[in-house]
């Protein structure tokens, strides 16, 4: 079983592509992405990889929000 610190999520994207790659070892994050309509492109025990549109990435701060793409 993974510790809370090991249940990481990594989002990777660049300016050349319109897809973001999302790796997660968090069941909660994987479930949220699936509920949003995204299906994993790869699965392993306790890990999921997704590809989502860059414009779907949103960062919410204390005072403002930033939509990527």
Protein backbone atom coordinates (compact mmCIF):
# COMPACT_ATOMS: atom_id res chain seq x y z
CA UNK A 1 0.00 0.00 0.00
CA UNK A 2 1.26 3.47 -0.88
CA UNK A 3 1.73 6.22 1.67
CA UNK A 4 -0.10 9.53 1.21
CA UNK A 5 3.15 11.10 -0.07
CA UNK A 6 3.56 8.35 -2.68
CA UNK A 7 0.06 8.93 -4.11
CA UNK A 8 1.39 11.60 -6.42
CA UNK A 9 -0.05 13.13 -9.57
CA UNK A 10 2.16 14.60 -12.29
CA UNK A 11 0.84 16.76 -15.14
CA UNK A 12 3.17 17.30 -18.09
CA UNK A 13 2.59 19.46 -21.14
CA UNK A 14 4.51 21.69 -23.51
CA UNK A 15 3.68 24.47 -25.93
CA UNK A 16 4.02 22.22 -29.00
CA UNK A 17 1.13 19.88 -28.15
CA UNK A 18 -2.49 20.38 -27.20
CA UNK A 19 -2.53 17.27 -24.99
CA UNK A 20 -1.36 17.05 -21.40
CA UNK A 21 -0.05 13.79 -20.02
CA UNK A 22 -1.28 12.96 -16.52
CA UNK A 23 0.31 10.24 -14.40
CA UNK A 24 -1.32 9.45 -11.09
CA UNK A 25 -0.85 6.93 -8.32
CA UNK A 26 -3.94 8.34 -6.59
CA UNK A 27 -7.14 6.34 -6.84
CA UNK A 28 -9.14 9.51 -6.05
CA UNK A 29 -7.52 11.45 -8.92
CA UNK A 30 -7.96 8.55 -11.36
CA UNK A 31 -11.63 8.28 -10.37
CA UNK A 32 -12.12 12.05 -10.82
CA UNK A 33 -10.56 11.96 -14.29
CA UNK A 34 -12.76 8.99 -15.25
CA UNK A 35 -15.87 10.79 -13.96
CA UNK A 36 -14.87 13.79 -16.10
CA UNK A 37 -14.99 11.49 -19.13
CA UNK A 38 -11.31 10.66 -19.60
CA UNK A 39 -10.13 7.07 -19.93
CA UNK A 40 -6.63 5.92 -19.01
CA UNK A 41 -4.33 5.23 -21.95
CA UNK A 42 -2.27 2.92 -19.73
CA UNK A 43 -2.81 1.17 -16.41
CA UNK A 44 -0.55 -0.72 -14.04
CA UNK A 45 -1.11 -1.88 -10.50
CA UNK A 46 -1.87 1.31 -8.57
CA UNK A 47 -1.00 3.68 -11.43
CA UNK A 48 -2.87 5.32 -14.29
CA UNK A 49 -1.78 7.41 -17.28
CA UNK A 50 -4.21 9.75 -19.02
CA UNK A 51 -4.01 12.16 -21.93
CA UNK A 52 -6.30 15.16 -21.62
CA UNK A 53 -6.65 18.40 -23.58
CA UNK A 54 -4.33 21.12 -22.29
CA UNK A 55 -7.30 23.50 -22.03
CA UNK A 56 -8.85 21.14 -19.45
CA UNK A 57 -6.01 21.90 -17.00
CA UNK A 58 -7.07 24.58 -14.52
CA UNK A 59 -5.10 25.93 -11.57
CA UNK A 60 -7.09 27.60 -8.83
CA UNK A 61 -5.30 30.00 -6.54
CA UNK A 62 -6.43 31.94 -3.52
CA UNK A 63 -7.27 35.06 -5.51
CA UNK A 64 -7.48 33.95 -9.12
CA UNK A 65 -7.74 30.95 -11.42
CA UNK A 66 -5.61 30.12 -14.44
CA UNK A 67 -6.77 28.05 -17.38
CA UNK A 68 -3.91 26.51 -19.33
CA UNK A 69 -4.02 26.44 -23.12
